[in-house]
C-alpha atoms as a PDB file:
ATOM      1  CA  MET A   1      41.711 100.836 144.031  1.00  0.00           C
ATOM      2  CA  GLY A   2      45.232 100.830 143.627  1.00  0.00           C
ATOM      3  CA  GLU A   3      45.042  98.326 141.117  1.00  0.00           C
ATOM      4  CA  ARG A   4      42.668  99.676 139.156  1.00  0.00           C
ATOM      5  CA  MET A   5      44.448 103.013 138.993  1.00  0.00           C
ATOM      6  CA  VAL A   6      47.546 100.940 137.767  1.00  0.00           C
ATOM      7  CA  THR A   7      45.539  99.314 135.207  1.00  0.00           C
ATOM      8  CA  VAL A   8      44.189 102.619 133.593  1.00  0.00           C
ATOM      9  CA  VAL A   9      47.724 104.172 133.546  1.00  0.00           C
ATOM     10  CA  ARG A  10      48.997 100.975 131.649  1.00  0.00           C
ATOM     11  CA  LYS A  11      45.744 101.349 129.115  1.00  0.00           C
ATOM     12  CA  GLN A  12      46.561 104.985 128.773  1.00  0.00           C
ATOM     13  CA  SER A  13      50.441 104.525 128.306  1.00  0.00           C
ATOM     14  CA  ALA A  14      50.206 101.599 125.615  1.00  0.00           C
ATOM     15  CA  PRO A  15      49.157 103.918 122.840  1.00  0.00           C
ATOM     16  CA  CYS A  16      51.473 106.737 123.885  1.00  0.00           C
ATOM     17  CA  LEU A  17      54.284 104.197 124.040  1.00  0.00           C
ATOM     18  CA  ILE A  18      53.419 102.971 120.317  1.00  0.00           C
ATOM     19  CA  MET A  19      53.198 106.578 119.112  1.00  0.00           C
ATOM     20  CA  TRP A  20      56.553 107.316 120.578  1.00  0.00           C
ATOM     21  CA  ILE A  21      58.007 103.932 118.603  1.00  0.00           C
ATOM     22  CA  LEU A  22      56.512 105.039 115.456  1.00  0.00           C
ATOM     23  CA  SER A  23      58.064 108.585 115.799  1.00  0.00           C
ATOM     24  CA  ALA A  24      61.412 107.160 116.305  1.00  0.00           C
ATOM     25  CA  LEU A  25      61.240 104.743 113.411  1.00  0.00           C
ATOM     26  CA  LEU A  26      60.144 107.667 111.055  1.00  0.00           C
ATOM     27  CA  MET A  27      62.533 109.801 112.069  1.00  0.00           C
ATOM     28  CA  THR A  28      65.284 106.970 111.431  1.00  0.00           C
ATOM     29  CA  GLY A  29      63.844 106.477 108.221  1.00  0.00           C
ATOM     30  CA  CYS A  30      64.147 110.261 107.154  1.00  0.00           C
ATOM     31  CA  THR A  31      67.730 110.949 108.459  1.00  0.00           C
ATOM     32  CA  THR A  32      69.843 111.939 105.751  1.00  0.00           C
ATOM     33  CA  THR A  33      73.606 111.904 105.919  1.00  0.00           C
ATOM     34  CA  THR A  34      75.806 115.213 105.219  1.00  0.00           C
ATOM     35  CA  THR A  35      79.364 115.605 104.673  1.00  0.00           C
ATOM     36  CA  THR A  36      81.280 118.131 106.346  1.00  0.00           C
ATOM     37  CA  ASP A  37      80.994 120.740 103.779  1.00  0.00           C
ATOM     38  CA  GLY A  38      77.022 120.562 104.471  1.00  0.00           C
ATOM     39  CA  VAL A  39      76.259 118.792 101.034  1.00  0.00           C
ATOM     40  CA  LYS A  40      73.917 115.983 101.637  1.00  0.00           C
ATOM     41  CA  LYS A  41      74.513 112.429 100.573  1.00  0.00           C
ATOM     42  CA  GLU A  42      72.116 109.868  99.426  1.00  0.00           C
ATOM     43  CA  PRO A  43      71.611 107.166 101.995  1.00  0.00           C
ATOM     44  CA  ALA A  44      73.559 103.973 101.443  1.00  0.00           C
ATOM     45  CA  ASP A  45      70.316 101.964 100.443  1.00  0.00           C
ATOM     46  CA  ASN A  46      69.628 104.616  97.750  1.00  0.00           C
ATOM     47  CA  ASN A  47      73.118 104.348  96.360  1.00  0.00           C
ATOM     48  CA  LYS A  48      72.516 100.520  95.900  1.00  0.00           C
ATOM     49  CA  ILE A  49      69.128 100.751  94.406  1.00  0.00           C
ATOM     50  CA  LEU A  50      70.519 103.538  91.983  1.00  0.00           C
ATOM     51  CA  GLU A  51      73.575 101.209  91.127  1.00  0.00           C
ATOM     52  CA  ASN A  52      71.106  98.149  90.314  1.00  0.00           C
ATOM     53  CA  ARG A  53      68.983 100.236  88.075  1.00  0.00           C
ATOM     54  CA  ILE A  54      72.029 101.398  86.071  1.00  0.00           C
ATOM     55  CA  GLN A  55      73.449  97.745  85.863  1.00  0.00           C
ATOM     56  CA  LEU A  56      69.978  96.590  84.862  1.00  0.00           C
ATOM     57  CA  ALA A  57      69.721  99.191  82.141  1.00  0.00           C
ATOM     58  CA  LEU A  58      73.204  98.273  80.836  1.00  0.00           C
ATOM     59  CA  GLY A  59      71.971  94.781  80.597  1.00  0.00           C
ATOM     60  CA  TYR A  60      68.995  95.567  78.816  1.00  0.00           C
ATOM     61  CA  MET A  61      71.037  97.719  76.416  1.00  0.00           C
ATOM     62  CA  SER A  62      73.520  94.809  75.721  1.00  0.00           C
ATOM     63  CA  LYS A  63      70.427  92.664  74.701  1.00  0.00           C
ATOM     64  CA  GLY A  64      69.224  95.527  72.392  1.00  0.00           C
ATOM     65  CA  ASP A  65      66.022  95.786  74.566  1.00  0.00           C
ATOM     66  CA  HIS A  66      66.147  99.749  74.738  1.00  0.00           C
ATOM     67  CA  GLU A  67      62.454 100.004  76.360  1.00  0.00           C
ATOM     68  CA  GLY A  68      63.483  97.898  79.151  1.00  0.00           C
ATOM     69  CA  ALA A  69      66.846 100.020  79.652  1.00  0.00           C
ATOM     70  CA  ARG A  70      64.540 103.277  79.421  1.00  0.00           C
ATOM     71  CA  GLN A  71      62.279 101.655  82.410  1.00  0.00           C
ATOM     72  CA  ASN A  72      65.144 101.247  84.643  1.00  0.00           C
ATOM     73  CA  LEU A  73      66.840 104.571  84.026  1.00  0.00           C
ATOM     74  CA  ASN A  74      63.527 106.363  84.460  1.00  0.00           C
ATOM     75  CA  LYS A  75      63.240 104.269  88.102  1.00  0.00           C
ATOM     76  CA  ALA A  76      66.800 105.276  88.755  1.00  0.00           C
ATOM     77  CA  MET A  77      65.936 109.081  88.026  1.00  0.00           C
ATOM     78  CA  LYS A  78      63.626 109.126  90.985  1.00  0.00           C
ATOM     79  CA  VAL A  79      66.263 107.965  93.282  1.00  0.00           C
ATOM     80  CA  ASN A  80      68.991 110.519  91.947  1.00  0.00           C
ATOM     81  CA  SER A  81      68.506 112.653  89.005  1.00  0.00           C
ATOM     82  CA  ARG A  82      71.953 114.235  89.359  1.00  0.00           C
ATOM     83  CA  SER A  83      73.780 110.944  89.109  1.00  0.00           C
ATOM     84  CA  PRO A  84      76.653 111.549  86.706  1.00  0.00           C
ATOM     85  CA  GLU A  85      76.672 107.839  86.241  1.00  0.00           C
ATOM     86  CA  LEU A  86      73.224 107.644  85.181  1.00  0.00           C
ATOM     87  CA  HIS A  87      73.544 110.415  82.911  1.00  0.00           C
ATOM     88  CA  ASP A  88      76.345 108.546  80.925  1.00  0.00           C
ATOM     89  CA  VAL A  89      74.202 105.475  80.472  1.00  0.00           C
ATOM     90  CA  TRP A  90      71.354 107.796  79.303  1.00  0.00           C
ATOM     91  CA  ALA A  91      73.960 109.208  76.914  1.00  0.00           C
ATOM     92  CA  LEU A  92      74.958 105.469  75.859  1.00  0.00           C
ATOM     93  CA  LEU A  93      71.445 104.740  75.237  1.00  0.00           C
ATOM     94  CA  TYR A  94      70.400 107.971  73.200  1.00  0.00           C
ATOM     95  CA  GLN A  95      74.038 107.350  71.139  1.00  0.00           C
ATOM     96  CA  LYS A  96      72.666 104.017  70.168  1.00  0.00           C
ATOM     97  CA  GLU A  97      69.493 105.374  68.908  1.00  0.00           C
ATOM     98  CA  ARG A  98      71.309 107.988  67.094  1.00  0.00           C
ATOM     99  CA  GLU A  99      69.795 110.803  68.996  1.00  0.00           C
ATOM    100  CA  PHE A 100      72.672 112.703  69.093  1.00  0.00           C
ATOM    101  CA  GLY A 101      71.695 115.907  70.460  1.00  0.00           C
ATOM    102  CA  GLU A 102      70.050 113.950  73.460  1.00  0.00           C
ATOM    103  CA  ALA A 103      73.167 112.109  73.950  1.00  0.00           C
ATOM    104  CA  GLU A 104      75.394 115.041  74.135  1.00  0.00           C
ATOM    105  CA  ALA A 105      73.208 116.832  76.410  1.00  0.00           C
ATOM    106  CA  HIS A 106      73.351 113.739  79.054  1.00  0.00           C
ATOM    107  CA  TYR A 107      77.475 113.811  78.533  1.00  0.00           C
ATOM    108  CA  LYS A 108      77.344 117.305  79.426  1.00  0.00           C
ATOM    109  CA  LYS A 109      75.180 116.970  82.337  1.00  0.00           C
ATOM    110  CA  ALA A 110      77.375 114.019  83.762  1.00  0.00           C
ATOM    111  CA  LEU A 111      80.365 116.160  83.500  1.00  0.00           C
ATOM    112  CA  THR A 112      78.582 119.171  85.279  1.00  0.00           C
ATOM    113  CA  TYR A 113      77.470 117.229  88.132  1.00  0.00           C
ATOM    114  CA  ASN A 114      80.967 115.637  88.216  1.00  0.00           C
ATOM    115  CA  PRO A 115      83.709 117.330  86.316  1.00  0.00           C
ATOM    116  CA  LEU A 116      86.025 114.526  87.740  1.00  0.00           C
ATOM    117  CA  PHE A 117      84.113 111.691  86.270  1.00  0.00           C
ATOM    118  CA  THR A 118      86.678 110.296  84.013  1.00  0.00           C
ATOM    119  CA  ARG A 119      84.904 107.434  82.392  1.00  0.00           C
ATOM    120  CA  GLY A 120      81.975 109.740  81.260  1.00  0.00           C
ATOM    121  CA  ARG A 121      84.393 112.087  79.927  1.00  0.00           C
ATOM    122  CA  SER A 122      86.276 109.005  77.948  1.00  0.00           C
ATOM    123  CA  ASN A 123      82.728 108.092  76.556  1.00  0.00           C
ATOM    124  CA  TYR A 124      82.073 111.908  75.594  1.00  0.00           C
ATOM    125  CA  GLY A 125      85.388 112.003  73.936  1.00  0.00           C
ATOM    126  CA  LEU A 126      84.496 108.653  71.938  1.00  0.00           C
ATOM    127  CA  PHE A 127      81.356 110.277  70.865  1.00  0.00           C
ATOM    128  CA  LEU A 128      82.701 113.473  69.808  1.00  0.00           C
ATOM    129  CA  LEU A 129      85.556 111.389  67.700  1.00  0.00           C
ATOM    130  CA  ARG A 130      82.796 109.258  66.009  1.00  0.00           C
ATOM    131  CA  GLN A 131      81.270 112.669  65.130  1.00  0.00           C
ATOM    132  CA  GLY A 132      84.191 113.871  63.312  1.00  0.00           C
ATOM    133  CA  ARG A 133      84.709 116.566  66.228  1.00  0.00           C
ATOM    134  CA  TYR A 134      88.481 115.693  66.488  1.00  0.00           C
ATOM    135  CA  GLU A 135      89.542 118.994  68.370  1.00  0.00           C
ATOM    136  CA  GLU A 136      86.986 118.533  70.763  1.00  0.00           C
ATOM    137  CA  ALA A 137      87.536 114.907  71.373  1.00  0.00           C
ATOM    138  CA  TYR A 138      91.309 115.412  71.713  1.00  0.00           C
ATOM    139  CA  HIS A 139      90.569 118.270  74.501  1.00  0.00           C
ATOM    140  CA  GLN A 140      88.387 115.489  76.557  1.00  0.00           C
ATOM    141  CA  PHE A 141      91.020 112.373  76.149  1.00  0.00           C
ATOM    142  CA  SER A 142      93.485 114.865  77.186  1.00  0.00           C
ATOM    143  CA  LYS A 143      91.887 116.230  80.155  1.00  0.00           C
ATOM    144  CA  GLY A 144      90.688 112.714  80.973  1.00  0.00           C
ATOM    145  CA  ALA A 145      94.324 111.533  80.908  1.00  0.00           C
ATOM    146  CA  GLU A 146      95.219 113.787  83.834  1.00  0.00           C
ATOM    147  CA  ASP A 147      93.523 111.741  86.107  1.00  0.00           C
ATOM    148  CA  LEU A 148      96.397 109.919  87.768  1.00  0.00           C
ATOM    149  CA  GLY A 149      94.000 107.328  89.449  1.00  0.00           C
ATOM    150  CA  TYR A 150      92.130 106.220  86.475  1.00  0.00           C
ATOM    151  CA  PRO A 151      92.499 102.673  85.888  1.00  0.00           C
ATOM    152  CA  ARG A 152      92.204 102.807  82.291  1.00  0.00           C
ATOM    153  CA  ARG A 153      94.450 105.734  81.942  1.00  0.00           C
ATOM    154  CA  ALA A 154      96.837 103.706  78.971  1.00  0.00           C
ATOM    155  CA  GLU A 155      93.657 103.718  76.811  1.00  0.00           C
ATOM    156  CA  LEU A 156      92.910 107.215  77.137  1.00  0.00           C
ATOM    157  CA  PHE A 157      96.423 108.232  76.195  1.00  0.00           C
ATOM    158  CA  TYR A 158      95.929 105.836  73.224  1.00  0.00           C
ATOM    159  CA  LYS A 159      92.508 108.037  72.337  1.00  0.00           C
ATOM    160  CA  VAL A 160      94.589 111.088  72.747  1.00  0.00           C
ATOM    161  CA  GLY A 161      96.939 109.793  70.129  1.00  0.00           C
ATOM    162  CA  ILE A 162      94.239 108.958  67.623  1.00  0.00           C
ATOM    163  CA  SER A 163      92.611 112.085  68.010  1.00  0.00           C
ATOM    164  CA  ALA A 164      95.816 113.812  67.621  1.00  0.00           C
ATOM    165  CA  LEU A 165      96.743 111.772  64.298  1.00  0.00           C
ATOM    166  CA  LYS A 166      93.207 112.895  63.032  1.00  0.00           C
ATOM    167  CA  LEU A 167      94.450 116.579  63.451  1.00  0.00           C
ATOM    168  CA  GLY A 168      97.795 116.083  62.082  1.00  0.00           C
ATOM    169  CA  LYS A 169      99.597 116.642  65.294  1.00  0.00           C
ATOM    170  CA  LEU A 170     102.129 113.833  64.774  1.00  0.00           C
ATOM    171  CA  ALA A 171     104.442 114.768  67.635  1.00  0.00           C
ATOM    172  CA  GLU A 172     101.651 114.998  70.032  1.00  0.00           C
ATOM    173  CA  ALA A 173     100.303 111.325  68.613  1.00  0.00           C
ATOM    174  CA  GLU A 174     103.623 109.863  69.280  1.00  0.00           C
ATOM    175  CA  ASN A 175     104.102 110.944  72.631  1.00  0.00           C
ATOM    176  CA  ALA A 176     100.388 109.890  73.511  1.00  0.00           C
ATOM    177  CA  PHE A 177     101.001 106.472  72.141  1.00  0.00           C
ATOM    178  CA  THR A 178     104.350 106.139  73.802  1.00  0.00           C
ATOM    179  CA  ARG A 179     102.758 107.202  77.144  1.00  0.00           C
ATOM    180  CA  ALA A 180     100.043 104.861  76.488  1.00  0.00           C
ATOM    181  CA  ALA A 181     102.648 101.782  76.023  1.00  0.00           C
ATOM    182  CA  VAL A 182     104.584 102.611  79.103  1.00  0.00           C
ATOM    183  CA  LEU A 183     101.657 102.599  81.220  1.00  0.00           C
ATOM    184  CA  ASN A 184     100.194  99.505  79.738  1.00  0.00           C
ATOM    185  CA  PRO A 185     102.875  97.531  78.000  1.00  0.00           C
ATOM    186  CA  GLN A 186     100.174  94.817  76.760  1.00  0.00           C
ATOM    187  CA  LEU A 187      98.312  97.432  74.877  1.00  0.00           C
ATOM    188  CA  SER A 188      99.292  96.377  71.303  1.00  0.00           C
ATOM    189  CA  VAL A 189      97.872  98.810  69.244  1.00  0.00           C
ATOM    190  CA  ALA A 190      99.878 101.576  70.754  1.00  0.00           C
ATOM    191  CA  TYR A 191     102.852  99.801  69.149  1.00  0.00           C
ATOM    192  CA  LEU A 192     101.334  99.390  65.827  1.00  0.00           C
ATOM    193  CA  GLU A 193     100.594 103.081  65.993  1.00  0.00           C
ATOM    194  CA  LEU A 194     103.990 104.180  66.926  1.00  0.00           C
ATOM    195  CA  ALA A 195     105.528 101.373  64.396  1.00  0.00           C
ATOM    196  CA  ASP A 196     103.393 103.194  61.481  1.00  0.00           C
ATOM    197  CA  LEU A 197     104.578 106.749  62.546  1.00  0.00           C
ATOM    198  CA  THR A 198     108.157 105.587  62.674  1.00  0.00           C
ATOM    199  CA  TYR A 199     108.191 103.922  59.240  1.00  0.00           C
ATOM    200  CA  ASN A 200     106.507 107.147  57.743  1.00  0.00           C
ATOM    201  CA  ARG A 201     109.476 108.863  59.329  1.00  0.00           C
ATOM    202  CA  GLY A 202     112.037 106.527  57.552  1.00  0.00           C
ATOM    203  CA  ASP A 203     113.345 105.170  60.549  1.00  0.00           C
ATOM    204  CA  TYR A 204     113.071 101.448  59.317  1.00  0.00           C
ATOM    205  CA  PRO A 205     114.956  99.526  61.905  1.00  0.00           C
ATOM    206  CA  LYS A 206     113.199 101.334  65.002  1.00  0.00           C
ATOM    207  CA  ALA A 207     109.680 100.312  63.356  1.00  0.00           C
ATOM    208  CA  LYS A 208     110.512  96.873  62.868  1.00  0.00           C
ATOM    209  CA  GLN A 209     111.248  96.850  66.591  1.00  0.00           C
ATOM    210  CA  LEU A 210     108.044  98.249  67.428  1.00  0.00           C
ATOM    211  CA  LEU A 211     106.106  96.065  64.802  1.00  0.00           C
ATOM    212  CA  ASN A 212     107.695  92.909  66.780  1.00  0.00           C
ATOM    213  CA  GLU A 213     106.361  94.438  69.958  1.00  0.00           C
ATOM    214  CA  TYR A 214     103.234  94.600  68.496  1.00  0.00           C
ATOM    215  CA  ASN A 215     102.990  91.012  67.330  1.00  0.00           C
ATOM    216  CA  ASN A 216     104.383  89.781  70.630  1.00  0.00           C
ATOM    217  CA  THR A 217     101.590  91.315  72.381  1.00  0.00           C
ATOM    218  CA  LYS A 218      98.817  90.480  70.148  1.00  0.00           C
ATOM    219  CA  ARG A 219      97.136  87.069  70.122  1.00  0.00           C
ATOM    220  CA  GLY A 220      97.266  86.869  66.355  1.00  0.00           C
ATOM    221  CA  PRO A 221      98.497  88.502  63.130  1.00  0.00           C
ATOM    222  CA  SER A 222      96.280  91.562  61.810  1.00  0.00           C
ATOM    223  CA  SER A 223      95.830  92.773  58.220  1.00  0.00           C
ATOM    224  CA  ARG A 224      96.965  96.061  59.046  1.00  0.00           C
ATOM    225  CA  GLY A 225     100.210  94.720  60.852  1.00  0.00           C
ATOM    226  CA  LEU A 226     101.127  92.389  57.907  1.00  0.00           C
ATOM    227  CA  TRP A 227     100.925  95.135  55.466  1.00  0.00           C
ATOM    228  CA  LEU A 228     103.078  97.238  57.252  1.00  0.00           C
ATOM    229  CA  GLY A 229     105.610  94.004  57.631  1.00  0.00           C
ATOM    230  CA  VAL A 230     105.627  93.884  54.039  1.00  0.00           C
ATOM    231  CA  ARG A 231     106.322  97.461  53.322  1.00  0.00           C
ATOM    232  CA  LEU A 232     108.873  97.310  55.922  1.00  0.00           C
ATOM    233  CA  GLU A 233     110.789  94.388  54.909  1.00  0.00           C
ATOM    234  CA  ARG A 234     111.045  95.853  51.243  1.00  0.00           C
ATOM    235  CA  SER A 235     112.657  98.796  52.735  1.00  0.00           C
ATOM    236  CA  LEU A 236     115.126  96.880  54.814  1.00  0.00           C
ATOM    237  CA  GLY A 237     115.917  94.387  51.643  1.00  0.00           C
ATOM    238  CA  ASN A 238     114.588  91.321  53.254  1.00  0.00           C
ATOM    239  CA  LYS A 239     112.881  89.783  50.226  1.00  0.00           C
ATOM    240  CA  ASP A 240     112.029  86.342  51.846  1.00  0.00           C
ATOM    241  CA  ALA A 241     110.464  88.041  54.824  1.00  0.00           C
ATOM    242  CA  GLU A 242     108.562  90.366  52.511  1.00  0.00           C
ATOM    243  CA  ALA A 243     107.029  87.406  50.675  1.00  0.00           C
ATOM    244  CA  SER A 244     106.006  85.423  53.787  1.00  0.00           C
ATOM    245  CA  GLN A 245     104.395  88.514  55.147  1.00  0.00           C
ATOM    246  CA  GLY A 246     102.388  89.153  51.904  1.00  0.00           C
ATOM    247  CA  LEU A 247     101.386  85.469  51.504  1.00  0.00           C
ATOM    248  CA  ALA A 248     100.107  85.724  55.097  1.00  0.00           C
ATOM    249  CA  LEU A 249      98.096  88.734  54.310  1.00  0.00           C
ATOM    250  CA  ARG A 250      96.584  87.406  51.229  1.00  0.00           C
ATOM    251  CA  ASN A 251      95.761  83.938  53.033  1.00  0.00           C
ATOM    252  CA  LEU A 252      94.307  85.320  56.151  1.00  0.00           C
ATOM    253  CA  PHE A 253      92.657  88.581  55.115  1.00  0.00           C
ATOM    254  CA  PRO A 254      91.740  88.129  51.406  1.00  0.00           C
ATOM    255  CA  ASP A 255      88.925  90.538  51.665  1.00  0.00           C
ATOM    256  CA  SER A 256      90.695  93.245  53.662  1.00  0.00           C
ATOM    257  CA  ARG A 257      91.349  96.795  52.631  1.00  0.00           C
ATOM    258  CA  GLU A 258      94.929  96.079  53.400  1.00  0.00           C
ATOM    259  CA  ASN A 259      95.365  93.141  51.228  1.00  0.00           C
ATOM    260  CA  GLN A 260      93.574  95.163  48.218  1.00  0.00           C
ATOM    261  CA  GLU A 261      96.413  97.894  48.800  1.00  0.00           C
ATOM    262  CA  TYR A 262      98.941  95.085  48.679  1.00  0.00           C
ATOM    263  CA  GLN A 263      97.595  93.326  45.242  1.00  0.00           C
ATOM    264  CA  ASN A 264      97.621  96.977  43.877  1.00  0.00           C
ATOM    265  CA  TRP A 265     101.225  97.567  45.002  1.00  0.00           C
ATOM    266  CA  LEU A 266     102.229  94.121  43.705  1.00  0.00           C
ATOM    267  CA  ASN A 267     100.579  95.116  40.114  1.00  0.00           C
ATOM    268  CA  ASN A 268     102.448  98.651  40.130  1.00  0.00           C
ATOM    269  CA  GLU A 269     105.631  96.891  41.221  1.00  0.00           C
ATOM    270  CA  GLN A 270     105.453  94.628  38.280  1.00  0.00           C
ATOM    271  CA  LYS A 271     104.804  97.222  35.829  1.00  0.00           C
ATOM    272  CA  LYS A 272     108.018  99.300  36.643  1.00  0.00           C
END
């Protein structure tokens, strides 16, 4: 009789044990992590899924497959619809499709969900710059450049300078380009902008020094750099160097706007 009682107990205990295990597993699966301020954080697995979906969407976008990108973005929305990175990519997609209102709405959502999302702020600034909204772009780039830890901060200062030029803020532009060059001495375009500003101010020796920095950090000549070189050498009285720069401009960039300006300039000089 004792053995029968043990058997019955075991038969009754087995389903209870199974239910207990399942309950424990379900509780584990539903566990959420909270920060010290009580804000819920997404589980690590969800963050990985979100990141993968975003990367897939970017991959499809790079191939011109907007539908594939959209499918992955919609799936990412089910994981975390408040992700700043996700809304940034939505904005890029709509920008490519020239749905500018939708693009801006997503840029604003990204920065609402995380005002410290500097990459998104930089992308939004570029969007505004291309829209001709220079004052707003200047504000976004300037705000982004305050992020001391942003790895591409030098490029942000360069963009501050470009938007400042559009607004006619020459002193602010020069300061921004200088900051960009200090932060990243290999950022050649910053030297070119500084050389151009310095040339227009009439400081030709300094402009030539900056143009040399530009040429030393760039892998090859550019039409704009050569055209500035032509004018600089003329101003400094270096006729051979002027002719050499002009020849390179004509041979390397025959269809460029700068070469057209150079040819018109030569024609005007010959008429004098």
